[in-house]
C-alpha cells in the first residue's frame, strides 16, 4: 500500500512540476506569435530583478514547507507535494511576469525569469529519493 501511495504521490508531483514548468514556455510561444507593443518597458527592470531573486526565495520557501512536516510518511508525502508546488509557483509567477513584460515591451532582458524558472524546475524535479527523504524526515 505504501509503495502505491508513494508512486501516486511521485507521479502527481511530476505532473504538477511539468505543468508549472511548461506554462511560461507556452505563454512565451504564444507571445512570440503576437506583435510586441511599444509600452510596458517600465516592467522590464522589475521583471528582471524578480526573475533573478525568485529562485532563492523559492528554494527557501519549499525547504521551509518540507521542514514543517511531522506525523509520518503520509504527512511527508503531502508536505513534499506542497513544497514542489510552492517552490515552482514562485518562479513560475516571475517567469510569467517576464514573458508579459517582453510581450508588452519587446525587450529580451525581461525574459531572465524564464531560464531561472526552468533551472528551478530541474532543481526541484520530483524524484523517488527526494520523496523518500521527505517521508523519513516527517517520521522523525
N, C-alpha and C. Protein backbone atom coordinates (compact mmCIF):
# COMPACT_ATOMS: atom_id res chain seq x y z
N UNK A 1 0.82 -1.20 0.00
CA UNK A 1 0.00 0.00 0.00
C UNK A 1 0.86 1.25 0.00
N UNK A 2 1.90 1.28 0.83
CA UNK A 2 2.76 2.46 0.90
C UNK A 2 3.48 2.69 -0.42
N UNK A 3 3.85 1.61 -1.10
CA UNK A 3 4.51 1.74 -2.39
C UNK A 3 3.61 2.38 -3.43
N UNK A 4 2.32 1.99 -3.42
CA UNK A 4 1.40 2.59 -4.39
C UNK A 4 1.11 4.05 -4.04
N UNK A 5 1.05 4.35 -2.73
CA UNK A 5 0.86 5.74 -2.31
C UNK A 5 2.06 6.59 -2.74
N UNK A 6 3.25 6.03 -2.58
CA UNK A 6 4.46 6.75 -2.96
C UNK A 6 4.49 6.96 -4.48
N UNK A 7 4.15 5.93 -5.24
CA UNK A 7 4.14 6.05 -6.70
C UNK A 7 3.12 7.08 -7.16
N UNK A 8 1.94 7.08 -6.53
CA UNK A 8 0.91 8.06 -6.89
C UNK A 8 1.36 9.47 -6.53
N UNK A 9 1.95 9.63 -5.36
CA UNK A 9 2.44 10.96 -4.95
C UNK A 9 3.54 11.44 -5.89
N UNK A 10 4.44 10.54 -6.27
CA UNK A 10 5.52 10.91 -7.17
C UNK A 10 5.00 11.30 -8.54
N UNK A 11 4.05 10.54 -9.08
CA UNK A 11 3.52 10.89 -10.40
C UNK A 11 2.73 12.19 -10.34
N UNK A 12 2.02 12.42 -9.25
CA UNK A 12 1.30 13.70 -9.09
C UNK A 12 2.28 14.86 -9.01
N UNK A 13 3.33 14.70 -8.23
CA UNK A 13 4.34 15.76 -8.10
C UNK A 13 5.00 16.05 -9.45
N UNK A 14 5.28 15.00 -10.21
CA UNK A 14 5.91 15.20 -11.53
C UNK A 14 4.95 15.89 -12.50
N UNK A 15 3.69 15.53 -12.46
CA UNK A 15 2.71 16.19 -13.32
C UNK A 15 2.60 17.67 -12.98
N UNK A 16 2.52 17.98 -11.70
CA UNK A 16 2.44 19.38 -11.28
C UNK A 16 3.69 20.14 -11.70
N UNK A 17 4.86 19.54 -11.48
CA UNK A 17 6.11 20.20 -11.87
C UNK A 17 6.17 20.43 -13.37
N UNK A 18 5.71 19.46 -14.15
CA UNK A 18 5.73 19.61 -15.61
C UNK A 18 4.79 20.73 -16.07
N UNK A 19 3.61 20.78 -15.49
CA UNK A 19 2.65 21.82 -15.87
C UNK A 19 3.15 23.20 -15.46
N UNK A 20 3.63 23.31 -14.22
CA UNK A 20 4.16 24.60 -13.77
C UNK A 20 5.39 25.01 -14.58
N UNK A 21 6.18 24.04 -14.99
CA UNK A 21 7.36 24.33 -15.80
C UNK A 21 7.02 24.75 -17.21
N UNK A 22 5.98 24.14 -17.77
CA UNK A 22 5.64 24.38 -19.18
C UNK A 22 4.80 25.63 -19.41
N UNK A 23 4.05 26.06 -18.43
CA UNK A 23 3.12 27.17 -18.68
C UNK A 23 3.80 28.46 -19.13
N UNK A 24 4.93 28.89 -18.53
CA UNK A 24 5.58 30.09 -19.07
C UNK A 24 6.13 29.89 -20.48
N UNK A 25 6.56 28.67 -20.78
CA UNK A 25 7.04 28.39 -22.15
C UNK A 25 5.90 28.48 -23.15
N UNK A 26 4.74 27.97 -22.77
CA UNK A 26 3.58 28.05 -23.65
C UNK A 26 3.17 29.50 -23.88
N UNK A 27 3.15 30.29 -22.82
CA UNK A 27 2.82 31.71 -22.97
C UNK A 27 3.85 32.42 -23.83
N UNK A 28 5.12 32.09 -23.67
CA UNK A 28 6.17 32.71 -24.49
C UNK A 28 6.00 32.34 -25.96
N UNK A 29 5.62 31.10 -26.23
CA UNK A 29 5.40 30.68 -27.61
C UNK A 29 4.23 31.43 -28.23
N UNK A 30 3.17 31.59 -27.47
CA UNK A 30 2.03 32.35 -27.97
C UNK A 30 2.40 33.82 -28.14
N UNK A 31 3.13 34.37 -27.17
CA UNK A 31 3.54 35.77 -27.23
C UNK A 31 4.45 36.03 -28.43
N UNK A 32 5.23 35.04 -28.80
CA UNK A 32 6.13 35.18 -29.95
C UNK A 32 5.35 35.39 -31.24
N UNK A 33 4.15 34.83 -31.29
CA UNK A 33 3.31 34.96 -32.48
C UNK A 33 2.62 36.31 -32.57
N UNK A 34 2.54 37.01 -31.45
CA UNK A 34 1.86 38.29 -31.41
C UNK A 34 2.85 39.43 -31.62
N UNK A 35 2.40 40.52 -32.18
CA UNK A 35 3.31 41.66 -32.31
C UNK A 35 3.58 42.28 -30.94
N UNK A 36 4.85 42.62 -30.70
CA UNK A 36 5.17 43.23 -29.41
C UNK A 36 4.77 44.70 -29.44
N UNK A 37 4.37 45.16 -28.27
CA UNK A 37 3.94 46.54 -28.15
C UNK A 37 5.11 47.46 -27.92
N UNK A 38 4.80 48.71 -27.82
CA UNK A 38 5.83 49.71 -27.55
C UNK A 38 5.72 50.23 -26.14
N UNK A 39 4.76 49.76 -25.39
CA UNK A 39 4.61 50.17 -24.00
C UNK A 39 5.13 49.07 -23.09
N UNK A 40 5.07 49.30 -21.84
CA UNK A 40 5.44 48.28 -20.88
C UNK A 40 6.92 48.16 -20.60
N UNK A 41 7.74 49.08 -21.13
CA UNK A 41 9.17 48.97 -20.88
C UNK A 41 9.50 49.22 -19.41
N UNK A 42 8.61 49.86 -18.69
CA UNK A 42 8.82 50.07 -17.26
C UNK A 42 8.76 48.76 -16.48
N UNK A 43 8.21 47.70 -17.08
CA UNK A 43 8.12 46.39 -16.43
C UNK A 43 9.39 45.56 -16.56
N UNK A 44 10.28 45.94 -17.46
CA UNK A 44 11.45 45.12 -17.76
C UNK A 44 12.36 44.98 -16.54
N UNK A 45 12.69 46.07 -15.89
CA UNK A 45 13.61 46.01 -14.74
C UNK A 45 12.98 45.23 -13.58
N UNK A 46 11.73 45.53 -13.18
CA UNK A 46 11.15 44.72 -12.10
C UNK A 46 11.05 43.24 -12.45
N UNK A 47 10.70 42.94 -13.68
CA UNK A 47 10.61 41.54 -14.10
C UNK A 47 11.97 40.87 -14.04
N UNK A 48 13.01 41.57 -14.46
CA UNK A 48 14.35 41.01 -14.42
C UNK A 48 14.86 40.79 -13.01
N UNK A 49 14.65 41.78 -12.15
CA UNK A 49 15.09 41.66 -10.76
C UNK A 49 14.34 40.53 -10.05
N UNK A 50 13.03 40.49 -10.23
CA UNK A 50 12.26 39.43 -9.60
C UNK A 50 12.62 38.06 -10.17
N UNK A 51 12.89 38.02 -11.47
CA UNK A 51 13.29 36.76 -12.10
C UNK A 51 14.60 36.23 -11.55
N UNK A 52 15.51 37.14 -11.22
CA UNK A 52 16.79 36.72 -10.63
C UNK A 52 16.67 36.35 -9.15
N UNK A 53 15.80 37.02 -8.43
CA UNK A 53 15.66 36.77 -7.00
C UNK A 53 14.74 35.60 -6.68
N UNK A 54 13.82 35.30 -7.55
CA UNK A 54 12.81 34.28 -7.27
C UNK A 54 13.36 32.90 -6.94
N UNK A 55 14.40 32.40 -7.63
CA UNK A 55 14.87 31.06 -7.27
C UNK A 55 15.36 30.94 -5.82
N UNK A 56 16.03 31.95 -5.33
CA UNK A 56 16.49 31.91 -3.93
C UNK A 56 15.31 31.91 -2.98
N UNK A 57 14.33 32.74 -3.26
CA UNK A 57 13.13 32.80 -2.42
C UNK A 57 12.38 31.48 -2.49
N UNK A 58 12.22 30.95 -3.70
CA UNK A 58 11.50 29.69 -3.89
C UNK A 58 12.21 28.53 -3.19
N UNK A 59 13.53 28.50 -3.28
CA UNK A 59 14.29 27.42 -2.65
C UNK A 59 14.07 27.42 -1.14
N UNK A 60 14.12 28.60 -0.56
CA UNK A 60 13.94 28.71 0.89
C UNK A 60 12.51 28.36 1.30
N UNK A 61 11.52 28.83 0.53
CA UNK A 61 10.13 28.55 0.87
C UNK A 61 9.82 27.06 0.77
N UNK A 62 10.28 26.42 -0.29
CA UNK A 62 9.97 25.00 -0.43
C UNK A 62 10.65 24.18 0.66
N UNK A 63 11.86 24.57 1.07
CA UNK A 63 12.54 23.87 2.15
C UNK A 63 11.78 24.06 3.46
N UNK A 64 11.28 25.26 3.66
CA UNK A 64 10.53 25.56 4.89
C UNK A 64 9.24 24.74 4.95
N UNK A 65 8.55 24.60 3.82
CA UNK A 65 7.33 23.80 3.78
C UNK A 65 7.64 22.34 4.11
N UNK A 66 8.72 21.82 3.54
CA UNK A 66 9.12 20.43 3.81
C UNK A 66 9.48 20.23 5.27
N UNK A 67 10.15 21.22 5.89
CA UNK A 67 10.58 21.11 7.28
C UNK A 67 9.42 21.06 8.26
N UNK A 68 8.28 21.58 7.89
CA UNK A 68 7.15 21.64 8.81
C UNK A 68 6.41 20.32 8.94
N UNK A 69 6.72 19.34 8.10
CA UNK A 69 6.00 18.07 8.10
C UNK A 69 6.38 17.23 9.31
N UNK A 70 5.36 16.78 10.02
CA UNK A 70 5.53 15.82 11.11
C UNK A 70 4.35 14.87 11.06
N UNK A 71 4.57 13.66 11.52
CA UNK A 71 3.44 12.75 11.61
C UNK A 71 3.51 11.53 10.71
N UNK A 72 4.65 11.23 10.16
CA UNK A 72 4.77 10.00 9.39
C UNK A 72 4.91 10.21 7.90
N UNK A 73 4.90 9.09 7.20
CA UNK A 73 5.16 9.08 5.76
C UNK A 73 4.08 9.83 4.98
N UNK A 74 2.82 9.66 5.37
CA UNK A 74 1.74 10.36 4.66
C UNK A 74 1.91 11.88 4.75
N UNK A 75 2.23 12.36 5.93
CA UNK A 75 2.46 13.79 6.12
C UNK A 75 3.68 14.24 5.32
N UNK A 76 4.70 13.41 5.26
CA UNK A 76 5.88 13.74 4.47
C UNK A 76 5.57 13.84 2.99
N UNK A 77 4.74 12.91 2.48
CA UNK A 77 4.36 12.97 1.06
C UNK A 77 3.56 14.23 0.76
N UNK A 78 2.61 14.55 1.63
CA UNK A 78 1.80 15.76 1.42
C UNK A 78 2.66 17.02 1.48
N UNK A 79 3.57 17.06 2.43
CA UNK A 79 4.46 18.23 2.55
C UNK A 79 5.38 18.32 1.34
N UNK A 80 5.85 17.19 0.86
CA UNK A 80 6.72 17.21 -0.31
C UNK A 80 5.97 17.76 -1.52
N UNK A 81 4.75 17.30 -1.71
CA UNK A 81 3.94 17.79 -2.83
C UNK A 81 3.70 19.29 -2.70
N UNK A 82 3.37 19.75 -1.50
CA UNK A 82 3.18 21.19 -1.28
C UNK A 82 4.46 21.96 -1.54
N UNK A 83 5.59 21.40 -1.14
CA UNK A 83 6.86 22.11 -1.32
C UNK A 83 7.19 22.28 -2.80
N UNK A 84 6.88 21.29 -3.62
CA UNK A 84 7.11 21.41 -5.06
C UNK A 84 6.22 22.49 -5.64
N UNK A 85 4.95 22.48 -5.24
CA UNK A 85 4.00 23.48 -5.75
C UNK A 85 4.43 24.88 -5.34
N UNK A 86 4.75 25.07 -4.07
CA UNK A 86 5.13 26.40 -3.58
C UNK A 86 6.41 26.89 -4.26
N UNK A 87 7.41 26.03 -4.30
CA UNK A 87 8.68 26.43 -4.91
C UNK A 87 8.55 26.82 -6.36
N UNK A 88 7.83 26.01 -7.12
CA UNK A 88 7.72 26.31 -8.55
C UNK A 88 6.71 27.41 -8.85
N UNK A 89 5.72 27.59 -8.00
CA UNK A 89 4.76 28.67 -8.22
C UNK A 89 5.43 30.03 -8.12
N UNK A 90 6.40 30.16 -7.22
CA UNK A 90 7.10 31.44 -7.06
C UNK A 90 7.85 31.79 -8.34
N UNK A 91 8.63 30.84 -8.85
CA UNK A 91 9.41 31.14 -10.05
C UNK A 91 8.53 31.19 -11.30
N UNK A 92 7.44 30.43 -11.30
CA UNK A 92 6.52 30.50 -12.43
C UNK A 92 5.90 31.89 -12.54
N UNK A 93 5.51 32.44 -11.39
CA UNK A 93 4.92 33.78 -11.40
C UNK A 93 5.86 34.82 -11.96
N UNK A 94 7.12 34.76 -11.56
CA UNK A 94 8.08 35.74 -12.07
C UNK A 94 8.40 35.49 -13.55
N UNK A 95 8.40 34.23 -13.96
CA UNK A 95 8.63 33.93 -15.38
C UNK A 95 7.46 34.45 -16.22
N UNK A 96 6.24 34.28 -15.73
CA UNK A 96 5.08 34.79 -16.45
C UNK A 96 5.10 36.31 -16.52
N UNK A 97 5.50 36.96 -15.43
CA UNK A 97 5.64 38.41 -15.44
C UNK A 97 6.66 38.84 -16.50
N UNK A 98 7.77 38.12 -16.57
CA UNK A 98 8.79 38.44 -17.57
C UNK A 98 8.29 38.27 -18.99
N UNK A 99 7.54 37.20 -19.22
CA UNK A 99 7.00 36.99 -20.57
C UNK A 99 6.02 38.10 -20.92
N UNK A 100 5.19 38.50 -19.96
CA UNK A 100 4.25 39.59 -20.23
C UNK A 100 4.98 40.90 -20.48
N UNK A 101 6.04 41.16 -19.71
CA UNK A 101 6.83 42.38 -19.93
C UNK A 101 7.48 42.34 -21.31
N UNK A 102 7.95 41.17 -21.72
CA UNK A 102 8.55 41.02 -23.06
C UNK A 102 7.50 41.23 -24.14
N UNK A 103 6.30 40.69 -23.92
CA UNK A 103 5.22 40.85 -24.89
C UNK A 103 4.86 42.33 -25.04
N UNK A 104 4.82 43.04 -23.93
CA UNK A 104 4.43 44.45 -23.98
C UNK A 104 5.54 45.36 -24.49
N UNK A 105 6.79 45.03 -24.15
CA UNK A 105 7.88 45.94 -24.49
C UNK A 105 8.75 45.47 -25.65
N UNK A 106 8.81 44.18 -25.86
CA UNK A 106 9.69 43.63 -26.88
C UNK A 106 11.14 43.56 -26.44
N UNK A 107 11.42 43.84 -25.16
CA UNK A 107 12.79 43.84 -24.65
C UNK A 107 13.14 42.47 -24.05
N UNK A 108 14.14 41.82 -24.63
CA UNK A 108 14.53 40.46 -24.25
C UNK A 108 15.00 40.34 -22.80
N UNK A 109 15.67 41.31 -22.18
CA UNK A 109 16.09 41.14 -20.78
C UNK A 109 14.93 40.85 -19.82
N UNK A 110 13.73 41.18 -20.21
CA UNK A 110 12.57 40.88 -19.37
C UNK A 110 12.40 39.38 -19.17
N UNK A 111 12.97 38.58 -20.06
CA UNK A 111 12.80 37.13 -20.03
C UNK A 111 13.75 36.39 -19.09
N UNK A 112 14.57 37.08 -18.32
CA UNK A 112 15.55 36.41 -17.47
C UNK A 112 14.89 35.44 -16.49
N UNK A 113 13.67 35.70 -16.10
CA UNK A 113 12.97 34.81 -15.18
C UNK A 113 12.62 33.47 -15.80
N UNK A 114 12.53 33.41 -17.12
CA UNK A 114 12.18 32.15 -17.78
C UNK A 114 13.26 31.09 -17.63
N UNK A 115 14.52 31.36 -17.97
CA UNK A 115 15.53 30.32 -17.75
C UNK A 115 15.77 30.04 -16.26
N UNK A 116 15.58 31.05 -15.42
CA UNK A 116 15.73 30.83 -13.99
C UNK A 116 14.64 29.87 -13.49
N UNK A 117 13.44 30.02 -14.01
CA UNK A 117 12.34 29.12 -13.66
C UNK A 117 12.64 27.70 -14.13
N UNK A 118 13.15 27.56 -15.33
CA UNK A 118 13.46 26.23 -15.85
C UNK A 118 14.58 25.57 -15.04
N UNK A 119 15.54 26.36 -14.58
CA UNK A 119 16.58 25.82 -13.69
C UNK A 119 15.96 25.34 -12.37
N UNK A 120 14.99 26.09 -11.88
CA UNK A 120 14.34 25.69 -10.63
C UNK A 120 13.51 24.42 -10.84
N UNK A 121 12.88 24.29 -11.98
CA UNK A 121 12.14 23.05 -12.28
C UNK A 121 13.11 21.87 -12.22
N UNK A 122 14.28 22.03 -12.81
CA UNK A 122 15.27 20.97 -12.75
C UNK A 122 15.77 20.70 -11.35
N UNK A 123 15.96 21.76 -10.58
CA UNK A 123 16.47 21.60 -9.21
C UNK A 123 15.45 20.94 -8.29
N UNK A 124 14.17 21.17 -8.53
CA UNK A 124 13.13 20.63 -7.67
C UNK A 124 12.42 19.42 -8.28
N UNK A 125 12.86 18.96 -9.43
CA UNK A 125 12.15 17.87 -10.11
C UNK A 125 11.96 16.70 -9.14
N UNK A 126 10.73 16.23 -8.99
CA UNK A 126 10.44 15.16 -8.04
C UNK A 126 11.12 13.83 -8.42
N UNK A 127 11.84 13.30 -7.47
CA UNK A 127 12.48 12.00 -7.65
C UNK A 127 12.08 11.09 -6.49
N UNK A 128 12.26 9.81 -6.71
CA UNK A 128 11.96 8.82 -5.68
C UNK A 128 12.77 9.09 -4.41
N UNK A 129 14.04 9.42 -4.59
CA UNK A 129 14.91 9.66 -3.43
C UNK A 129 14.45 10.86 -2.62
N UNK A 130 14.07 11.93 -3.28
CA UNK A 130 13.62 13.13 -2.56
C UNK A 130 12.32 12.87 -1.81
N UNK A 131 11.42 12.13 -2.45
CA UNK A 131 10.16 11.80 -1.79
C UNK A 131 10.41 10.90 -0.59
N UNK A 132 11.27 9.92 -0.73
CA UNK A 132 11.60 9.03 0.37
C UNK A 132 12.24 9.81 1.52
N UNK A 133 13.13 10.73 1.20
CA UNK A 133 13.76 11.55 2.23
C UNK A 133 12.72 12.40 2.97
N UNK A 134 11.74 12.93 2.25
CA UNK A 134 10.68 13.73 2.88
C UNK A 134 9.84 12.85 3.81
N UNK A 135 9.57 11.62 3.39
CA UNK A 135 8.83 10.70 4.26
C UNK A 135 9.61 10.37 5.53
N UNK A 136 10.90 10.12 5.36
CA UNK A 136 11.75 9.80 6.52
C UNK A 136 11.87 10.99 7.47
N UNK A 137 12.03 12.18 6.92
CA UNK A 137 12.14 13.38 7.76
C UNK A 137 10.87 13.61 8.55
N UNK A 138 9.72 13.37 7.94
CA UNK A 138 8.45 13.59 8.63
C UNK A 138 8.20 12.52 9.68
N UNK A 139 8.83 11.37 9.55
CA UNK A 139 8.64 10.29 10.51
C UNK A 139 9.50 10.47 11.76
N UNK A 140 10.48 11.33 11.71
CA UNK A 140 11.36 11.56 12.87
C UNK A 140 10.73 12.42 13.91
